[in-house]
């Protein structure tokens, strides 16, 4: 029994992305972080597992003995949920690209750097962050190859953390290729890169659902007769997420419960 009621059966799978904690300033970010923690607190009652589809932080870089300051509330809540037995999966985004093994070792959370296939309730999912997929975006794709190279990470570690973190935070907000300022404009169904990517994947293998973040726009678009592309939006302006109840996948907006 919990709070005098039968324990809720854990049957739902949740997906969220693009929280970008850390921007535009610590105070504003703290408000959004607390809202996200409240959401995690609510879904832990019926969550079979949780997928975090990248850009949880606006910047994250792991030195061997140092990780960025802050985010203690969301990290603590994620640790609590994981310790309670709820599986959590994390996909690298373009803002937490330099994540190493902190999540795996400290939180027991697997981290994926590319889309991965899962199957739930007889439905096949292809899940990822979404950056660098599909046609176009050539400037970012070139930049990602440079940033993701092991030599780039090794070189960056020679910067003192105070300098390295501050410099990366500056780039994160000022460089449009990184910040994604131009990614929040709906291009139209036929021009959306992730829609095109999904349709191309269907040429060789069937997926019931394609689930991505990165675009900061909640979207639900049919890409085949029995296939749907869903973008989970963000936790900056939309506060949206996706949930699969064992039969259907839907987009929802988080509205905190009133006490």
Protein backbone atom coordinates (compact mmCIF):
# COMPACT_ATOMS: atom_id res chain seq x y z
CA UNK A 1 0.00 0.00 0.00
CA UNK A 2 1.12 3.59 -0.68
CA UNK A 3 -0.63 6.59 0.85
CA UNK A 4 -3.56 4.34 1.70
CA UNK A 5 -4.11 3.26 -1.93
CA UNK A 6 -3.08 0.17 -3.87
CA UNK A 7 0.28 0.56 -5.60
CA UNK A 8 -0.08 1.74 -9.19
CA UNK A 9 0.94 -0.80 -11.80
CA UNK A 10 4.02 0.40 -13.69
CA UNK A 11 2.97 0.11 -17.32
CA UNK A 12 3.85 3.43 -18.97
CA UNK A 13 6.97 4.46 -20.87
CA UNK A 14 7.93 8.13 -20.81
CA UNK A 15 10.05 10.19 -23.20
CA UNK A 16 11.38 13.73 -22.72
CA UNK A 17 14.17 15.84 -24.18
CA UNK A 18 15.81 19.25 -24.45
CA UNK A 19 15.64 20.58 -20.93
CA UNK A 20 18.84 22.63 -21.45
CA UNK A 21 19.32 23.22 -17.76
CA UNK A 22 21.75 26.05 -17.12
CA UNK A 23 20.23 28.68 -19.42
CA UNK A 24 19.53 31.53 -19.59
CA UNK A 25 20.78 32.01 -16.03
CA UNK A 26 20.94 29.91 -12.84
CA UNK A 27 17.78 31.41 -11.34
CA UNK A 28 15.58 30.84 -14.40
CA UNK A 29 17.06 27.42 -14.96
CA UNK A 30 16.32 26.46 -11.34
CA UNK A 31 12.61 27.14 -11.86
CA UNK A 32 12.50 24.87 -14.90
CA UNK A 33 14.60 22.25 -13.14
CA UNK A 34 12.15 22.11 -10.25
CA UNK A 35 9.26 21.73 -12.68
CA UNK A 36 11.01 18.81 -14.36
CA UNK A 37 11.75 17.23 -10.97
CA UNK A 38 8.05 17.54 -10.12
CA UNK A 39 7.20 15.73 -13.35
CA UNK A 40 9.64 12.94 -12.53
CA UNK A 41 8.08 12.69 -9.08
CA UNK A 42 4.63 12.25 -10.61
CA UNK A 43 5.52 9.70 -13.28
CA UNK A 44 7.54 7.47 -10.95
CA UNK A 45 4.24 5.98 -9.75
CA UNK A 46 3.47 4.27 -13.07
CA UNK A 47 6.71 4.47 -15.09
CA UNK A 48 7.95 1.16 -16.46
CA UNK A 49 10.97 3.02 -17.84
CA UNK A 50 12.05 6.55 -18.80
CA UNK A 51 13.88 7.78 -21.90
CA UNK A 52 15.81 11.06 -21.79
CA UNK A 53 16.49 12.00 -25.40
CA UNK A 54 19.39 14.40 -24.96
CA UNK A 55 20.28 17.99 -24.12
CA UNK A 56 19.33 17.55 -20.49
CA UNK A 57 21.99 20.18 -19.87
CA UNK A 58 22.83 23.16 -22.03
CA UNK A 59 26.44 22.21 -21.50
CA UNK A 60 28.10 19.15 -20.03
CA UNK A 61 31.76 18.18 -20.13
CA UNK A 62 33.40 15.54 -17.99
CA UNK A 63 36.95 15.97 -16.87
CA UNK A 64 38.37 12.81 -15.30
CA UNK A 65 37.75 14.09 -11.77
CA UNK A 66 35.36 17.02 -12.38
CA UNK A 67 31.82 17.44 -13.71
CA UNK A 68 29.96 20.76 -14.19
CA UNK A 69 28.62 22.44 -11.08
CA UNK A 70 24.85 22.54 -10.53
CA UNK A 71 21.93 20.31 -11.53
CA UNK A 72 22.02 18.57 -8.14
CA UNK A 73 18.22 18.43 -7.87
CA UNK A 74 17.58 16.76 -11.19
CA UNK A 75 20.55 14.43 -10.81
CA UNK A 76 19.39 13.51 -7.31
CA UNK A 77 15.87 12.77 -8.52
CA UNK A 78 17.16 10.68 -11.43
CA UNK A 79 19.36 8.74 -9.00
CA UNK A 80 16.36 8.17 -6.72
CA UNK A 81 14.23 6.82 -9.56
CA UNK A 82 17.02 4.61 -10.83
CA UNK A 83 17.73 3.26 -7.34
CA UNK A 84 14.04 2.43 -6.98
CA UNK A 85 14.38 0.06 -9.93
CA UNK A 86 13.02 2.19 -12.80
CA UNK A 87 15.20 1.74 -15.92
CA UNK A 88 16.37 5.04 -17.42
CA UNK A 89 18.00 5.43 -20.84
CA UNK A 90 19.93 8.49 -21.98
CA UNK A 91 20.76 9.62 -25.51
CA UNK A 92 23.52 12.12 -26.11
CA UNK A 93 22.39 15.44 -27.55
CA UNK A 94 24.47 18.08 -29.24
CA UNK A 95 24.79 20.01 -25.96
CA UNK A 96 25.85 17.07 -23.79
CA UNK A 97 27.95 15.56 -26.56
CA UNK A 98 31.02 15.37 -24.33
CA UNK A 99 29.45 13.11 -21.75
CA UNK A 100 31.73 10.23 -20.83
CA UNK A 101 30.93 7.58 -18.21
CA UNK A 102 29.49 9.60 -15.30
CA UNK A 103 25.90 8.48 -15.93
CA UNK A 104 26.91 4.84 -16.34
CA UNK A 105 29.12 4.66 -13.24
CA UNK A 106 27.33 7.02 -10.86
CA UNK A 107 23.71 6.49 -11.89
CA UNK A 108 23.71 3.08 -13.61
CA UNK A 109 22.14 4.65 -16.70
CA UNK A 110 23.16 3.45 -20.19
CA UNK A 111 24.12 6.21 -22.61
CA UNK A 112 23.68 5.97 -26.39
CA UNK A 113 25.35 8.17 -28.99
CA UNK A 114 23.13 7.17 -31.92
CA UNK A 115 19.52 6.07 -32.52
CA UNK A 116 18.62 2.69 -31.07
CA UNK A 117 15.77 0.28 -31.70
CA UNK A 118 13.46 -0.88 -28.91
CA UNK A 119 10.27 -2.93 -28.84
CA UNK A 120 7.41 -2.40 -26.41
CA UNK A 121 3.95 -3.91 -26.50
CA UNK A 122 4.61 -5.44 -29.90
CA UNK A 123 5.48 -2.01 -31.33
CA UNK A 124 8.90 -1.21 -32.79
CA UNK A 125 10.48 2.13 -31.83
CA UNK A 126 13.51 3.94 -33.22
CA UNK A 127 14.68 6.39 -30.58
CA UNK A 128 17.41 9.05 -30.52
CA UNK A 129 18.19 12.72 -30.00
CA UNK A 130 17.90 13.59 -33.69
CA UNK A 131 20.85 15.91 -34.37
CA UNK A 132 22.72 15.36 -37.61
CA UNK A 133 20.15 12.95 -39.07
CA UNK A 134 18.54 13.27 -42.47
CA UNK A 135 19.62 15.49 -45.36
CA UNK A 136 21.06 18.98 -44.92
CA UNK A 137 22.58 20.47 -41.75
CA UNK A 138 26.02 19.95 -43.30
CA UNK A 139 27.71 22.64 -41.22
CA UNK A 140 26.62 21.02 -37.98
CA UNK A 141 27.54 17.54 -39.20
CA UNK A 142 31.09 18.68 -39.97
CA UNK A 143 31.34 20.42 -36.61
CA UNK A 144 30.04 17.36 -34.75
CA UNK A 145 32.73 15.15 -36.28
CA UNK A 146 35.38 17.53 -34.96
CA UNK A 147 33.86 17.93 -31.50
CA UNK A 148 33.18 14.20 -31.06
CA UNK A 149 36.69 13.16 -32.01
CA UNK A 150 38.66 11.71 -29.04
CA UNK A 151 41.57 14.07 -29.76
CA UNK A 152 39.24 17.09 -29.38
CA UNK A 153 38.11 15.85 -25.98
CA UNK A 154 41.69 15.16 -24.88
CA UNK A 155 42.79 18.62 -25.99
CA UNK A 156 39.91 20.36 -24.25
CA UNK A 157 40.71 18.66 -20.95
CA UNK A 158 43.94 20.67 -20.80
CA UNK A 159 41.86 23.77 -20.14
CA UNK A 160 41.23 24.49 -16.48
CA UNK A 161 37.59 23.56 -15.71
CA UNK A 162 36.70 27.15 -14.77
CA UNK A 163 37.92 28.30 -18.19
CA UNK A 164 36.68 25.30 -20.17
CA UNK A 165 33.14 25.36 -18.77
CA UNK A 166 32.77 29.14 -19.15
CA UNK A 167 34.06 29.06 -22.74
CA UNK A 168 31.73 26.18 -23.66
CA UNK A 169 28.75 27.96 -22.10
CA UNK A 170 29.55 31.00 -24.24
CA UNK A 171 29.71 28.89 -27.40
CA UNK A 172 26.53 27.07 -26.45
CA UNK A 173 24.51 30.29 -26.52
CA UNK A 174 26.36 32.31 -29.19
CA UNK A 175 27.10 29.74 -31.89
CA UNK A 176 23.93 29.08 -33.86
CA UNK A 177 25.22 25.71 -35.06
CA UNK A 178 25.39 24.61 -31.42
CA UNK A 179 22.59 26.61 -29.86
CA UNK A 180 20.00 25.50 -32.39
CA UNK A 181 18.36 28.94 -32.50
CA UNK A 182 17.22 28.25 -36.06
CA UNK A 183 15.84 24.80 -35.19
CA UNK A 184 12.65 26.07 -33.58
CA UNK A 185 10.96 27.02 -36.86
CA UNK A 186 8.60 24.44 -38.35
CA UNK A 187 9.78 23.71 -41.88
CA UNK A 188 6.65 21.90 -43.11
CA UNK A 189 6.11 18.16 -43.06
CA UNK A 190 7.90 17.45 -46.33
CA UNK A 191 10.93 19.57 -45.39
CA UNK A 192 11.45 18.42 -41.83
CA UNK A 193 14.77 16.55 -41.83
CA UNK A 194 13.72 14.02 -39.24
CA UNK A 195 10.53 13.28 -41.14
CA UNK A 196 12.61 12.63 -44.26
CA UNK A 197 15.01 10.49 -42.23
CA UNK A 198 12.12 8.44 -40.82
CA UNK A 199 10.57 7.85 -44.21
CA UNK A 200 13.91 6.75 -45.60
CA UNK A 201 14.38 4.27 -42.74
CA UNK A 202 10.98 2.78 -43.52
CA UNK A 203 12.27 1.76 -46.94
CA UNK A 204 14.33 -0.99 -45.34
CA UNK A 205 12.62 -1.74 -42.03
CA UNK A 206 9.25 -1.10 -40.42
CA UNK A 207 8.98 1.03 -37.30
CA UNK A 208 5.73 1.89 -35.62
CA UNK A 209 7.20 4.99 -33.98
CA UNK A 210 10.15 7.30 -34.50
CA UNK A 211 10.91 9.30 -31.37
CA UNK A 212 13.34 12.22 -31.39
CA UNK A 213 14.07 15.52 -29.70
CA UNK A 214 16.46 18.26 -30.86
CA UNK A 215 13.89 20.31 -32.79
CA UNK A 216 12.31 21.87 -29.67
CA UNK A 217 8.93 21.59 -31.35
CA UNK A 218 6.30 19.06 -30.24
CA UNK A 219 5.29 17.25 -33.42
CA UNK A 220 3.26 14.20 -34.36
CA UNK A 221 3.44 13.40 -38.09
CA UNK A 222 2.43 10.31 -40.03
CA UNK A 223 5.40 9.05 -42.03
CA UNK A 224 3.82 5.82 -43.26
CA UNK A 225 0.54 3.98 -43.26
CA UNK A 226 1.28 2.53 -39.83
CA UNK A 227 4.23 4.68 -38.75
CA UNK A 228 4.39 7.95 -36.82
CA UNK A 229 7.19 10.41 -36.13
CA UNK A 230 6.97 12.18 -32.78
CA UNK A 231 9.18 14.98 -31.55
CA UNK A 232 9.03 15.46 -27.80
CA UNK A 233 9.41 19.26 -27.90
CA UNK A 234 11.32 20.87 -25.01
CA UNK A 235 11.25 22.00 -21.38
CA UNK A 236 12.05 25.62 -22.13
CA UNK A 237 8.80 26.88 -23.67
CA UNK A 238 6.59 23.84 -24.33
CA UNK A 239 7.13 21.50 -21.35
CA UNK A 240 5.99 18.54 -23.41
CA UNK A 241 6.71 14.82 -23.30
CA UNK A 242 5.52 11.59 -24.89
CA UNK A 243 4.03 8.57 -23.14
CA UNK A 244 3.34 5.05 -24.37
CA UNK A 245 0.63 3.21 -22.43
CA UNK A 246 1.24 -0.20 -23.98
CA UNK A 247 -1.05 0.42 -26.94
CA UNK A 248 -0.77 4.04 -28.04
CA UNK A 249 1.88 6.76 -28.00
CA UNK A 250 0.77 10.33 -27.35
CA UNK A 251 2.21 13.80 -26.81
CA UNK A 252 1.30 15.63 -23.64
CA UNK A 253 2.01 18.92 -21.95
CA UNK A 254 3.03 18.90 -18.31
CA UNK A 255 0.78 20.84 -15.99
CA UNK A 256 1.84 20.41 -12.34
CA UNK A 257 -0.78 18.99 -10.04
CA UNK A 258 -2.24 21.56 -7.67
CA UNK A 259 -1.92 20.66 -4.02
